N, C-alpha and C. Protein backbone atom coordinates (compact mmCIF):
# COMPACT_ATOMS: atom_id res chain seq x y z
N MET A 1 2.60 156.27 46.98
CA MET A 1 2.76 156.07 48.43
C MET A 1 3.26 157.35 49.05
N THR A 2 2.60 157.81 50.10
CA THR A 2 3.02 159.03 50.77
C THR A 2 4.31 158.79 51.51
N GLU A 3 4.93 159.89 51.95
CA GLU A 3 6.23 159.80 52.59
C GLU A 3 6.20 158.94 53.84
N THR A 4 5.07 158.97 54.57
CA THR A 4 4.98 158.24 55.83
C THR A 4 4.24 156.91 55.70
N GLN A 5 3.65 156.64 54.54
CA GLN A 5 2.87 155.42 54.36
C GLN A 5 3.79 154.23 54.18
N GLN A 6 3.48 153.16 54.89
CA GLN A 6 4.28 151.95 54.79
C GLN A 6 3.73 151.04 53.68
N GLY A 7 4.65 150.31 53.05
CA GLY A 7 4.26 149.46 51.94
C GLY A 7 4.41 147.99 52.26
N VAL A 8 3.52 147.18 51.67
CA VAL A 8 3.52 145.73 51.87
C VAL A 8 3.43 145.04 50.52
N VAL A 9 4.33 144.07 50.30
CA VAL A 9 4.19 143.17 49.15
C VAL A 9 3.46 141.94 49.65
N LEU A 10 2.32 141.65 49.03
CA LEU A 10 1.48 140.51 49.40
C LEU A 10 1.61 139.44 48.32
N ILE A 11 2.16 138.28 48.70
CA ILE A 11 2.37 137.18 47.75
C ILE A 11 1.44 136.04 48.13
N GLU A 12 0.37 135.90 47.38
CA GLU A 12 -0.69 134.92 47.67
C GLU A 12 -1.36 134.54 46.37
N ASP A 13 -1.42 133.23 46.08
CA ASP A 13 -1.96 132.81 44.78
C ASP A 13 -3.47 132.69 44.75
N GLU A 14 -4.13 132.54 45.89
CA GLU A 14 -5.59 132.44 45.92
C GLU A 14 -6.19 133.83 45.89
N ALA A 15 -6.90 134.13 44.80
CA ALA A 15 -7.38 135.49 44.55
C ALA A 15 -8.29 136.00 45.67
N MET A 16 -9.18 135.16 46.17
CA MET A 16 -10.12 135.61 47.20
C MET A 16 -9.39 135.97 48.50
N ILE A 17 -8.45 135.12 48.88
CA ILE A 17 -7.68 135.40 50.09
C ILE A 17 -6.81 136.63 49.89
N ARG A 18 -6.20 136.74 48.71
CA ARG A 18 -5.36 137.91 48.42
C ARG A 18 -6.17 139.19 48.52
N HIS A 19 -7.39 139.18 47.98
CA HIS A 19 -8.25 140.35 48.04
C HIS A 19 -8.63 140.67 49.49
N TYR A 20 -8.95 139.64 50.25
CA TYR A 20 -9.33 139.78 51.66
C TYR A 20 -8.19 140.42 52.46
N VAL A 21 -6.97 139.89 52.29
CA VAL A 21 -5.82 140.42 53.03
C VAL A 21 -5.47 141.82 52.55
N ALA A 22 -5.52 142.04 51.24
CA ALA A 22 -5.19 143.36 50.69
C ALA A 22 -6.16 144.43 51.22
N MET A 23 -7.43 144.09 51.30
CA MET A 23 -8.42 145.02 51.85
C MET A 23 -8.11 145.35 53.30
N ALA A 24 -7.76 144.32 54.08
CA ALA A 24 -7.44 144.53 55.50
C ALA A 24 -6.20 145.41 55.66
N LEU A 25 -5.20 145.17 54.81
CA LEU A 25 -3.98 145.97 54.88
C LEU A 25 -4.24 147.42 54.46
N SER A 26 -5.00 147.59 53.40
CA SER A 26 -5.32 148.94 52.93
C SER A 26 -6.12 149.71 53.98
N ALA A 27 -7.03 149.01 54.65
CA ALA A 27 -7.83 149.64 55.70
C ALA A 27 -6.97 150.06 56.88
N SER A 28 -5.82 149.39 57.04
CA SER A 28 -4.90 149.74 58.12
C SER A 28 -3.90 150.83 57.71
N GLY A 29 -4.04 151.31 56.47
CA GLY A 29 -3.21 152.43 56.03
C GLY A 29 -1.99 152.05 55.22
N PHE A 30 -1.87 150.77 54.83
CA PHE A 30 -0.72 150.34 54.05
C PHE A 30 -0.96 150.50 52.55
N LYS A 31 0.12 150.75 51.83
CA LYS A 31 0.11 150.64 50.38
C LYS A 31 0.43 149.18 50.06
N VAL A 32 -0.40 148.53 49.23
CA VAL A 32 -0.26 147.10 48.99
C VAL A 32 0.05 146.83 47.52
N TRP A 33 1.08 146.00 47.29
CA TRP A 33 1.39 145.51 45.95
C TRP A 33 1.11 144.01 45.95
N GLU A 34 0.19 143.57 45.12
CA GLU A 34 -0.25 142.18 45.12
C GLU A 34 0.50 141.35 44.09
N SER A 35 0.79 140.09 44.47
CA SER A 35 1.46 139.16 43.55
C SER A 35 0.82 137.79 43.71
N GLY A 36 0.64 137.09 42.59
CA GLY A 36 0.05 135.77 42.63
C GLY A 36 1.05 134.64 42.51
N THR A 37 2.32 134.98 42.28
CA THR A 37 3.37 133.97 42.14
C THR A 37 4.62 134.41 42.90
N ALA A 38 5.49 133.44 43.14
CA ALA A 38 6.76 133.74 43.80
C ALA A 38 7.62 134.66 42.94
N ALA A 39 7.68 134.36 41.65
CA ALA A 39 8.51 135.17 40.75
C ALA A 39 8.08 136.63 40.73
N GLN A 40 6.76 136.85 40.62
CA GLN A 40 6.25 138.21 40.61
C GLN A 40 6.49 138.89 41.96
N GLY A 41 6.28 138.12 43.04
CA GLY A 41 6.46 138.67 44.38
C GLY A 41 7.90 139.10 44.65
N LEU A 42 8.85 138.28 44.20
CA LEU A 42 10.26 138.64 44.38
C LEU A 42 10.61 139.89 43.57
N LEU A 43 10.07 139.96 42.36
CA LEU A 43 10.31 141.14 41.52
C LEU A 43 9.75 142.40 42.18
N GLU A 44 8.52 142.30 42.72
CA GLU A 44 7.91 143.44 43.41
C GLU A 44 8.74 143.84 44.63
N THR A 45 9.24 142.84 45.36
CA THR A 45 10.01 143.13 46.57
C THR A 45 11.31 143.85 46.23
N VAL A 46 11.97 143.40 45.17
CA VAL A 46 13.22 144.03 44.74
C VAL A 46 12.97 145.47 44.30
N SER A 47 11.90 145.69 43.54
CA SER A 47 11.66 147.02 42.96
C SER A 47 10.99 147.98 43.93
N ARG A 48 10.12 147.46 44.79
CA ARG A 48 9.36 148.34 45.69
C ARG A 48 10.06 148.62 47.01
N ARG A 49 10.91 147.70 47.46
CA ARG A 49 11.56 147.80 48.77
C ARG A 49 10.53 148.09 49.87
N PRO A 50 9.60 147.17 50.09
CA PRO A 50 8.51 147.40 51.04
C PRO A 50 9.00 147.33 52.49
N ASP A 51 8.10 147.69 53.40
CA ASP A 51 8.38 147.58 54.84
C ASP A 51 8.07 146.19 55.36
N LEU A 52 7.30 145.41 54.59
CA LEU A 52 6.86 144.09 55.03
C LEU A 52 6.52 143.23 53.82
N VAL A 53 6.80 141.94 53.92
CA VAL A 53 6.33 140.96 52.94
C VAL A 53 5.37 140.01 53.66
N VAL A 54 4.18 139.86 53.10
CA VAL A 54 3.21 138.87 53.60
C VAL A 54 3.19 137.75 52.56
N LEU A 55 3.53 136.54 53.00
CA LEU A 55 3.84 135.47 52.06
C LEU A 55 3.08 134.19 52.36
N ASP A 56 2.40 133.67 51.33
CA ASP A 56 1.79 132.34 51.40
C ASP A 56 2.86 131.31 51.04
N LEU A 57 2.85 130.17 51.71
CA LEU A 57 3.87 129.15 51.43
C LEU A 57 3.54 128.30 50.21
N GLY A 58 2.23 128.09 49.94
CA GLY A 58 1.84 127.19 48.85
C GLY A 58 1.65 127.92 47.55
N LEU A 59 2.73 128.34 46.93
CA LEU A 59 2.66 129.10 45.68
C LEU A 59 2.78 128.16 44.48
N PRO A 60 2.22 128.54 43.32
CA PRO A 60 2.19 127.61 42.19
C PRO A 60 3.54 127.38 41.53
N ASP A 61 4.45 128.34 41.63
CA ASP A 61 5.71 128.23 40.90
C ASP A 61 6.91 127.94 41.79
N ARG A 62 6.73 128.03 43.10
CA ARG A 62 7.88 127.85 43.98
C ARG A 62 7.41 127.73 45.42
N ASP A 63 8.09 126.94 46.22
CA ASP A 63 7.72 126.80 47.62
C ASP A 63 8.07 128.08 48.38
N GLY A 64 7.18 128.48 49.26
CA GLY A 64 7.38 129.72 50.00
C GLY A 64 8.62 129.73 50.86
N VAL A 65 9.02 128.58 51.39
CA VAL A 65 10.23 128.53 52.22
C VAL A 65 11.45 128.90 51.39
N ASP A 66 11.49 128.47 50.14
CA ASP A 66 12.59 128.86 49.25
C ASP A 66 12.59 130.37 49.01
N VAL A 67 11.40 130.95 48.92
CA VAL A 67 11.29 132.40 48.74
C VAL A 67 11.86 133.12 49.96
N ILE A 68 11.54 132.61 51.15
CA ILE A 68 12.08 133.21 52.38
C ILE A 68 13.60 133.17 52.37
N ARG A 69 14.16 132.02 52.02
CA ARG A 69 15.63 131.88 52.00
C ARG A 69 16.26 132.84 50.99
N GLU A 70 15.63 132.98 49.83
CA GLU A 70 16.18 133.89 48.82
C GLU A 70 16.13 135.33 49.32
N LEU A 71 15.01 135.71 49.91
CA LEU A 71 14.90 137.08 50.45
C LEU A 71 15.96 137.33 51.51
N ARG A 72 16.19 136.33 52.35
CA ARG A 72 17.16 136.51 53.44
C ARG A 72 18.60 136.55 52.94
N ASN A 73 18.83 136.17 51.69
CA ASN A 73 20.17 136.27 51.13
C ASN A 73 20.59 137.73 50.91
N TRP A 74 19.58 138.62 50.77
CA TRP A 74 19.93 140.00 50.47
C TRP A 74 19.14 141.04 51.26
N SER A 75 18.20 140.61 52.09
CA SER A 75 17.35 141.59 52.77
C SER A 75 16.92 141.10 54.15
N ASP A 76 16.71 142.06 55.06
CA ASP A 76 16.13 141.74 56.37
C ASP A 76 14.70 142.27 56.48
N ILE A 77 14.04 142.48 55.34
CA ILE A 77 12.63 142.90 55.34
C ILE A 77 11.82 141.93 56.18
N PRO A 78 10.98 142.42 57.09
CA PRO A 78 10.14 141.52 57.88
C PRO A 78 9.24 140.67 56.98
N ILE A 79 9.10 139.39 57.35
CA ILE A 79 8.27 138.46 56.57
C ILE A 79 7.25 137.82 57.49
N LEU A 80 5.98 137.99 57.17
CA LEU A 80 4.88 137.32 57.87
C LEU A 80 4.32 136.25 56.97
N VAL A 81 4.38 135.01 57.40
CA VAL A 81 3.92 133.88 56.62
C VAL A 81 2.43 133.62 56.88
N LEU A 82 1.68 133.39 55.81
CA LEU A 82 0.30 132.93 55.88
C LEU A 82 0.24 131.56 55.23
N SER A 83 -0.35 130.59 55.90
CA SER A 83 -0.38 129.26 55.28
C SER A 83 -1.43 128.37 55.92
N VAL A 84 -1.91 127.41 55.12
CA VAL A 84 -2.81 126.37 55.64
C VAL A 84 -2.01 125.25 56.28
N ARG A 85 -0.70 125.27 56.13
CA ARG A 85 0.14 124.22 56.70
C ARG A 85 0.16 124.36 58.23
N THR A 86 -0.33 123.35 58.91
CA THR A 86 -0.45 123.43 60.36
C THR A 86 0.57 122.56 61.09
N GLU A 87 1.31 121.73 60.36
CA GLU A 87 2.30 120.87 61.00
C GLU A 87 3.40 121.72 61.62
N GLU A 88 3.77 121.37 62.85
CA GLU A 88 4.78 122.15 63.56
C GLU A 88 6.10 122.17 62.80
N VAL A 89 6.47 121.04 62.18
CA VAL A 89 7.73 120.98 61.47
C VAL A 89 7.76 121.98 60.32
N GLN A 90 6.61 122.23 59.69
CA GLN A 90 6.54 123.18 58.59
C GLN A 90 6.66 124.62 59.08
N LYS A 91 6.05 124.88 60.24
CA LYS A 91 6.19 126.21 60.83
C LYS A 91 7.64 126.47 61.22
N VAL A 92 8.25 125.47 61.85
CA VAL A 92 9.65 125.59 62.26
C VAL A 92 10.54 125.84 61.05
N GLU A 93 10.29 125.13 59.95
CA GLU A 93 11.10 125.28 58.74
C GLU A 93 11.03 126.72 58.22
N ALA A 94 9.81 127.28 58.20
CA ALA A 94 9.65 128.65 57.71
C ALA A 94 10.33 129.66 58.63
N LEU A 95 10.19 129.46 59.94
CA LEU A 95 10.80 130.38 60.90
C LEU A 95 12.32 130.26 60.88
N ASP A 96 12.82 129.03 60.79
CA ASP A 96 14.27 128.83 60.72
C ASP A 96 14.85 129.41 59.42
N ALA A 97 14.04 129.42 58.37
CA ALA A 97 14.51 129.98 57.09
C ALA A 97 14.63 131.50 57.16
N GLY A 98 13.95 132.12 58.14
CA GLY A 98 14.08 133.56 58.31
C GLY A 98 12.78 134.33 58.42
N ALA A 99 11.63 133.64 58.43
CA ALA A 99 10.35 134.34 58.62
C ALA A 99 10.29 134.93 60.02
N ASP A 100 9.60 136.05 60.15
CA ASP A 100 9.48 136.70 61.45
C ASP A 100 8.30 136.19 62.26
N ASP A 101 7.25 135.76 61.58
CA ASP A 101 6.08 135.23 62.29
C ASP A 101 5.29 134.38 61.32
N TYR A 102 4.31 133.64 61.88
CA TYR A 102 3.57 132.64 61.11
C TYR A 102 2.11 132.69 61.54
N LEU A 103 1.22 132.87 60.59
CA LEU A 103 -0.21 132.92 60.87
C LEU A 103 -0.90 131.84 60.05
N THR A 104 -1.64 130.96 60.76
CA THR A 104 -2.28 129.83 60.10
C THR A 104 -3.68 130.21 59.61
N LYS A 105 -3.99 129.84 58.38
CA LYS A 105 -5.32 130.06 57.82
C LYS A 105 -6.29 129.03 58.41
N PRO A 106 -7.56 129.40 58.63
CA PRO A 106 -8.13 130.74 58.49
C PRO A 106 -7.77 131.63 59.67
N PHE A 107 -7.81 132.93 59.46
CA PHE A 107 -7.48 133.88 60.52
C PHE A 107 -8.40 135.09 60.38
N GLY A 108 -8.52 135.84 61.45
CA GLY A 108 -9.35 137.05 61.45
C GLY A 108 -8.51 138.28 61.21
N VAL A 109 -9.15 139.34 60.75
CA VAL A 109 -8.46 140.60 60.49
C VAL A 109 -7.78 141.15 61.74
N PRO A 110 -8.43 141.15 62.91
CA PRO A 110 -7.75 141.69 64.10
C PRO A 110 -6.45 140.98 64.42
N GLU A 111 -6.43 139.65 64.28
CA GLU A 111 -5.19 138.92 64.56
C GLU A 111 -4.13 139.25 63.52
N LEU A 112 -4.52 139.32 62.26
CA LEU A 112 -3.59 139.69 61.20
C LEU A 112 -2.98 141.07 61.49
N GLN A 113 -3.81 142.03 61.82
CA GLN A 113 -3.33 143.38 62.09
C GLN A 113 -2.41 143.41 63.31
N ALA A 114 -2.75 142.64 64.34
CA ALA A 114 -1.92 142.61 65.55
C ALA A 114 -0.56 142.01 65.26
N ARG A 115 -0.52 140.93 64.47
CA ARG A 115 0.76 140.30 64.13
C ARG A 115 1.62 141.25 63.31
N ILE A 116 1.01 141.96 62.38
CA ILE A 116 1.75 142.91 61.56
C ILE A 116 2.32 144.04 62.41
N ARG A 117 1.50 144.56 63.31
CA ARG A 117 2.00 145.63 64.20
C ARG A 117 3.19 145.15 65.01
N ALA A 118 3.10 143.92 65.53
CA ALA A 118 4.19 143.39 66.37
C ALA A 118 5.47 143.22 65.56
N VAL A 119 5.35 142.69 64.34
CA VAL A 119 6.53 142.48 63.50
C VAL A 119 7.18 143.81 63.15
N LEU A 120 6.39 144.79 62.75
CA LEU A 120 6.94 146.08 62.36
C LEU A 120 7.50 146.84 63.56
N ARG A 121 6.83 146.72 64.70
CA ARG A 121 7.31 147.41 65.90
C ARG A 121 8.68 146.87 66.31
N ARG A 122 8.84 145.56 66.23
CA ARG A 122 10.12 144.96 66.61
C ARG A 122 11.24 145.45 65.71
N ARG A 123 10.93 145.64 64.41
CA ARG A 123 11.97 146.06 63.48
C ARG A 123 12.28 147.55 63.57
N THR A 124 11.31 148.36 63.98
CA THR A 124 11.53 149.81 64.01
C THR A 124 12.13 150.29 65.33
N GLN A 125 11.89 149.57 66.41
CA GLN A 125 12.45 149.99 67.69
C GLN A 125 13.96 149.78 67.68
N HIS A 126 14.68 150.81 67.97
CA HIS A 126 16.14 150.73 68.11
C HIS A 126 16.79 150.08 66.89
N GLY A 127 16.34 150.48 65.72
CA GLY A 127 16.99 149.99 64.50
C GLY A 127 16.75 148.53 64.22
N GLY A 128 15.61 147.99 64.74
CA GLY A 128 15.26 146.62 64.42
C GLY A 128 15.50 145.65 65.54
N GLU A 129 16.05 146.10 66.66
CA GLU A 129 16.27 145.20 67.77
C GLU A 129 15.32 145.56 68.89
N GLY A 130 15.09 144.62 69.78
CA GLY A 130 14.23 144.88 70.93
C GLY A 130 14.82 145.95 71.82
N MET A 131 16.15 146.00 71.90
CA MET A 131 16.83 147.06 72.62
C MET A 131 18.20 147.24 72.00
N PRO A 132 18.84 148.38 72.20
CA PRO A 132 20.14 148.61 71.60
C PRO A 132 21.19 147.70 72.21
N GLU A 133 22.35 147.64 71.56
CA GLU A 133 23.43 146.78 72.02
C GLU A 133 23.75 147.07 73.49
N GLU A 134 23.76 148.35 73.86
CA GLU A 134 23.90 148.73 75.25
C GLU A 134 22.69 149.57 75.60
N GLY A 135 21.80 149.04 76.44
CA GLY A 135 20.59 149.78 76.74
C GLY A 135 19.71 149.08 77.72
N VAL A 136 18.53 149.67 77.90
CA VAL A 136 17.56 149.19 78.89
C VAL A 136 16.27 148.85 78.18
N PHE A 137 15.66 147.76 78.60
CA PHE A 137 14.39 147.31 78.03
C PHE A 137 13.47 146.92 79.17
N GLU A 138 12.21 147.32 79.08
CA GLU A 138 11.25 147.02 80.13
C GLU A 138 10.04 146.28 79.55
N PHE A 139 9.55 145.30 80.29
CA PHE A 139 8.30 144.64 79.95
C PHE A 139 7.63 144.25 81.27
N GLY A 140 6.31 144.56 81.37
CA GLY A 140 5.63 144.34 82.64
C GLY A 140 6.35 145.09 83.75
N GLU A 141 6.68 144.39 84.83
CA GLU A 141 7.41 144.99 85.94
C GLU A 141 8.91 144.72 85.85
N ILE A 142 9.34 144.11 84.77
CA ILE A 142 10.73 143.69 84.63
C ILE A 142 11.54 144.74 83.86
N ARG A 143 12.73 145.00 84.33
CA ARG A 143 13.66 145.93 83.68
C ARG A 143 14.97 145.19 83.41
N VAL A 144 15.35 145.15 82.14
CA VAL A 144 16.58 144.49 81.73
C VAL A 144 17.59 145.58 81.37
N ASP A 145 18.64 145.67 82.17
CA ASP A 145 19.66 146.71 82.00
C ASP A 145 20.95 146.04 81.53
N ARG A 146 21.21 146.13 80.22
CA ARG A 146 22.40 145.48 79.68
C ARG A 146 23.66 146.29 79.94
N ILE A 147 23.50 147.55 80.28
CA ILE A 147 24.69 148.35 80.60
C ILE A 147 25.36 147.80 81.85
N HIS A 148 24.52 147.51 82.85
CA HIS A 148 25.04 146.99 84.12
C HIS A 148 24.81 145.49 84.28
N ARG A 149 24.29 144.88 83.20
CA ARG A 149 24.03 143.42 83.22
C ARG A 149 23.18 143.05 84.43
N ARG A 150 22.04 143.73 84.55
CA ARG A 150 21.19 143.59 85.73
C ARG A 150 19.73 143.46 85.31
N VAL A 151 19.01 142.56 85.97
CA VAL A 151 17.58 142.38 85.75
C VAL A 151 16.88 142.64 87.08
N THR A 152 15.87 143.52 87.05
CA THR A 152 15.20 143.90 88.30
C THR A 152 13.68 143.89 88.13
N ARG A 153 13.01 143.74 89.27
CA ARG A 153 11.57 143.95 89.38
C ARG A 153 11.38 145.00 90.47
N GLY A 154 11.08 146.23 90.05
CA GLY A 154 11.07 147.33 91.00
C GLY A 154 12.47 147.53 91.55
N SER A 155 12.60 147.52 92.87
CA SER A 155 13.92 147.67 93.50
C SER A 155 14.60 146.32 93.77
N GLU A 156 13.90 145.23 93.43
CA GLU A 156 14.42 143.88 93.70
C GLU A 156 15.28 143.40 92.54
N ILE A 157 16.49 142.97 92.83
CA ILE A 157 17.36 142.39 91.82
C ILE A 157 16.99 140.92 91.62
N ILE A 158 16.80 140.53 90.37
CA ILE A 158 16.50 139.14 90.04
C ILE A 158 17.81 138.46 89.66
N HIS A 159 18.17 137.47 90.40
CA HIS A 159 19.45 136.79 90.16
C HIS A 159 19.27 135.68 89.13
N LEU A 160 19.85 135.89 87.96
CA LEU A 160 19.78 134.91 86.88
C LEU A 160 21.13 134.23 86.70
N THR A 161 21.08 132.98 86.29
CA THR A 161 22.32 132.30 85.91
C THR A 161 22.79 132.88 84.58
N PRO A 162 24.05 132.71 84.21
CA PRO A 162 24.52 133.22 82.92
C PRO A 162 23.70 132.71 81.73
N ILE A 163 23.30 131.44 81.77
CA ILE A 163 22.50 130.89 80.67
C ILE A 163 21.11 131.53 80.65
N GLU A 164 20.48 131.68 81.81
CA GLU A 164 19.16 132.32 81.88
C GLU A 164 19.24 133.74 81.34
N TYR A 165 20.29 134.45 81.68
CA TYR A 165 20.45 135.83 81.22
C TYR A 165 20.61 135.86 79.70
N GLN A 166 21.38 134.95 79.15
CA GLN A 166 21.57 134.90 77.69
C GLN A 166 20.25 134.63 76.97
N ILE A 167 19.46 133.69 77.50
CA ILE A 167 18.16 133.38 76.89
C ILE A 167 17.25 134.59 76.95
N LEU A 168 17.20 135.24 78.11
CA LEU A 168 16.31 136.40 78.27
C LEU A 168 16.71 137.53 77.33
N THR A 169 17.98 137.86 77.25
CA THR A 169 18.39 138.96 76.38
C THR A 169 18.21 138.62 74.90
N LEU A 170 18.32 137.36 74.55
CA LEU A 170 18.04 136.95 73.17
C LEU A 170 16.57 137.15 72.84
N LEU A 171 15.68 136.78 73.76
CA LEU A 171 14.25 136.99 73.55
C LEU A 171 13.91 138.47 73.51
N VAL A 172 14.53 139.25 74.37
CA VAL A 172 14.30 140.70 74.40
C VAL A 172 14.73 141.34 73.08
N ALA A 173 15.88 140.92 72.57
CA ALA A 173 16.38 141.48 71.31
C ALA A 173 15.49 141.14 70.13
N ASN A 174 14.62 140.13 70.31
CA ASN A 174 13.70 139.71 69.25
C ASN A 174 12.26 139.77 69.74
N VAL A 175 11.95 140.77 70.56
CA VAL A 175 10.64 140.85 71.19
C VAL A 175 9.52 140.73 70.16
N GLY A 176 8.54 139.89 70.45
CA GLY A 176 7.40 139.68 69.57
C GLY A 176 7.61 138.60 68.53
N ARG A 177 8.85 138.19 68.33
CA ARG A 177 9.15 137.20 67.30
C ARG A 177 9.24 135.81 67.91
N VAL A 178 8.75 134.81 67.18
CA VAL A 178 8.90 133.42 67.60
C VAL A 178 10.33 132.98 67.31
N LEU A 179 11.04 132.55 68.35
CA LEU A 179 12.37 131.98 68.18
C LEU A 179 12.26 130.48 68.33
N THR A 180 12.72 129.74 67.35
CA THR A 180 12.62 128.28 67.40
C THR A 180 13.60 127.72 68.42
N HIS A 181 13.31 126.48 68.85
CA HIS A 181 14.22 125.81 69.78
C HIS A 181 15.63 125.76 69.21
N ARG A 182 15.75 125.39 67.94
CA ARG A 182 17.06 125.26 67.31
C ARG A 182 17.80 126.60 67.31
N TYR A 183 17.09 127.67 67.03
CA TYR A 183 17.72 128.99 66.97
C TYR A 183 18.28 129.37 68.33
N ILE A 184 17.48 129.20 69.38
CA ILE A 184 17.94 129.57 70.72
C ILE A 184 19.10 128.68 71.16
N LEU A 185 18.97 127.38 70.92
CA LEU A 185 20.03 126.46 71.31
C LEU A 185 21.35 126.80 70.61
N GLN A 186 21.27 127.13 69.32
CA GLN A 186 22.48 127.47 68.58
C GLN A 186 23.10 128.76 69.10
N LYS A 187 22.27 129.77 69.37
CA LYS A 187 22.78 131.06 69.82
C LYS A 187 23.37 130.99 71.22
N VAL A 188 22.75 130.21 72.10
CA VAL A 188 23.15 130.19 73.51
C VAL A 188 24.19 129.10 73.79
N TRP A 189 23.96 127.89 73.27
CA TRP A 189 24.85 126.77 73.57
C TRP A 189 25.84 126.46 72.45
N GLY A 190 25.43 126.70 71.20
CA GLY A 190 26.28 126.38 70.07
C GLY A 190 25.63 125.35 69.16
N PRO A 191 26.13 125.22 67.92
CA PRO A 191 25.49 124.35 66.92
C PRO A 191 25.45 122.88 67.30
N GLU A 192 26.33 122.44 68.16
CA GLU A 192 26.35 121.02 68.53
C GLU A 192 25.21 120.67 69.49
N TYR A 193 24.46 121.68 69.94
CA TYR A 193 23.38 121.43 70.91
C TYR A 193 21.98 121.60 70.31
N VAL A 194 21.87 121.80 69.00
CA VAL A 194 20.57 122.14 68.41
C VAL A 194 19.56 121.00 68.51
N GLU A 195 20.01 119.77 68.74
CA GLU A 195 19.10 118.64 68.86
C GLU A 195 18.85 118.26 70.32
N ARG A 196 19.09 119.18 71.23
CA ARG A 196 18.91 118.90 72.66
C ARG A 196 17.92 119.89 73.29
N PRO A 197 16.66 119.87 72.86
CA PRO A 197 15.69 120.84 73.38
C PRO A 197 15.42 120.72 74.87
N HIS A 198 15.73 119.56 75.47
CA HIS A 198 15.50 119.42 76.90
C HIS A 198 16.36 120.39 77.70
N TYR A 199 17.54 120.76 77.18
CA TYR A 199 18.37 121.77 77.84
C TYR A 199 17.57 123.06 77.98
N LEU A 200 16.96 123.46 76.88
CA LEU A 200 16.23 124.73 76.84
C LEU A 200 15.01 124.69 77.74
N ARG A 201 14.27 123.59 77.74
CA ARG A 201 13.07 123.49 78.58
C ARG A 201 13.42 123.68 80.05
N VAL A 202 14.51 123.08 80.50
CA VAL A 202 14.91 123.19 81.91
C VAL A 202 15.21 124.64 82.27
N PHE A 203 15.97 125.32 81.43
CA PHE A 203 16.35 126.70 81.75
C PHE A 203 15.17 127.67 81.58
N MET A 204 14.28 127.41 80.62
CA MET A 204 13.11 128.26 80.47
C MET A 204 12.19 128.13 81.68
N ALA A 205 12.07 126.94 82.21
CA ALA A 205 11.24 126.74 83.41
C ALA A 205 11.81 127.56 84.58
N GLY A 206 13.13 127.52 84.75
CA GLY A 206 13.76 128.30 85.81
C GLY A 206 13.61 129.80 85.58
N LEU A 207 13.76 130.23 84.33
CA LEU A 207 13.62 131.64 84.00
C LEU A 207 12.21 132.14 84.28
N ARG A 208 11.23 131.33 83.92
CA ARG A 208 9.84 131.72 84.19
C ARG A 208 9.57 131.86 85.69
N ARG A 209 10.10 130.95 86.48
CA ARG A 209 9.88 131.03 87.93
C ARG A 209 10.41 132.35 88.50
N LYS A 210 11.46 132.88 87.89
CA LYS A 210 12.07 134.11 88.40
C LYS A 210 11.42 135.37 87.81
N ILE A 211 10.93 135.26 86.57
CA ILE A 211 10.44 136.44 85.85
C ILE A 211 8.92 136.62 85.98
N GLU A 212 8.19 135.53 85.85
CA GLU A 212 6.73 135.61 85.82
C GLU A 212 6.14 135.59 87.23
N LYS A 213 5.05 136.32 87.42
CA LYS A 213 4.34 136.25 88.70
C LYS A 213 3.74 134.88 88.91
N ASN A 214 3.24 134.29 87.82
CA ASN A 214 2.67 132.94 87.87
C ASN A 214 3.31 132.14 86.74
N SER A 215 4.30 131.34 87.08
CA SER A 215 5.06 130.64 86.04
C SER A 215 4.23 129.61 85.28
N SER A 216 3.14 129.13 85.88
CA SER A 216 2.28 128.17 85.20
C SER A 216 1.30 128.85 84.25
N ASN A 217 1.18 130.17 84.36
CA ASN A 217 0.31 130.94 83.47
C ASN A 217 1.05 132.22 83.06
N PRO A 218 2.12 132.07 82.28
CA PRO A 218 2.98 133.22 81.97
C PRO A 218 2.29 134.26 81.11
N ARG A 219 2.70 135.50 81.30
CA ARG A 219 2.18 136.62 80.51
C ARG A 219 3.18 137.12 79.48
N HIS A 220 4.46 136.83 79.70
CA HIS A 220 5.50 137.40 78.84
C HIS A 220 6.35 136.34 78.13
N LEU A 221 6.79 135.33 78.84
CA LEU A 221 7.64 134.30 78.24
C LEU A 221 6.74 133.17 77.74
N MET A 222 6.28 133.32 76.50
CA MET A 222 5.24 132.46 75.97
C MET A 222 5.81 131.30 75.17
N THR A 223 5.16 130.14 75.32
CA THR A 223 5.53 128.94 74.55
C THR A 223 4.73 128.88 73.25
N GLU A 224 5.42 128.65 72.15
CA GLU A 224 4.77 128.31 70.89
C GLU A 224 4.93 126.79 70.76
N THR A 225 3.89 126.05 71.06
CA THR A 225 3.97 124.61 71.24
C THR A 225 4.66 123.90 70.07
N GLY A 226 5.70 123.15 70.42
CA GLY A 226 6.43 122.39 69.43
C GLY A 226 7.36 123.20 68.55
N ILE A 227 7.38 124.51 68.74
CA ILE A 227 8.16 125.39 67.86
C ILE A 227 9.26 126.12 68.63
N GLY A 228 8.88 126.84 69.68
CA GLY A 228 9.87 127.63 70.40
C GLY A 228 9.23 128.55 71.41
N TYR A 229 9.78 129.76 71.52
CA TYR A 229 9.32 130.72 72.53
C TYR A 229 9.24 132.12 71.93
N ARG A 230 8.40 132.94 72.58
CA ARG A 230 8.21 134.32 72.16
C ARG A 230 8.11 135.20 73.40
N LEU A 231 8.77 136.35 73.39
CA LEU A 231 8.59 137.32 74.46
C LEU A 231 7.50 138.29 74.07
N VAL A 232 6.47 138.37 74.88
CA VAL A 232 5.35 139.29 74.66
C VAL A 232 5.51 140.44 75.63
N ARG A 233 5.60 141.63 75.09
CA ARG A 233 5.88 142.80 75.94
C ARG A 233 4.65 143.26 76.71
N GLU A 234 3.51 143.32 76.02
CA GLU A 234 2.31 143.89 76.64
C GLU A 234 1.50 142.81 77.33
């Protein structure tokens, strides 16, 4: 691997899919280490220290969600999940365990490449955060200034409630990543509120009305149906 080449550990038990994804990653300039089992994939991740792990959930020796939890015990390496599991509860479980994004099979190479770029970009900007602890972040016409605790559109100040501001800055700090309802509720309201998603829906609706040009067709504050929300910068 060259000094500037990024590495990916690919953990996928289906040989045809593994070859397909490995080819796509190699064509995008990545060095790829392939694994057909969880045990081999974890060993490769420990020894290679890659920039990204691409992980199938249905592995023969271990459930992929357990692999995510184990990785998160010692590493913040970005994890992109690939799976045939389409149930929302399964996606939420993987994301809550620490996955950065989730791509459902079948998928096309352009979408795979776009998701990988988004995950890696989020981790490399400002040391892995959407913006520094004290700093400015811009998306569309919106400017979030945490130094002065101010959100603006051009010269217009957008007046947010304290809760709306907390939600927005949490999404900004994780730009491109799907944040589950439970994660946002715990971070903003506290652990006793994780089963009250209606709180979040009300405040997200208000935030969209203030941030988006068309709140019924948002460009930035995107809903992942049944799972949570994602801030899309571009």
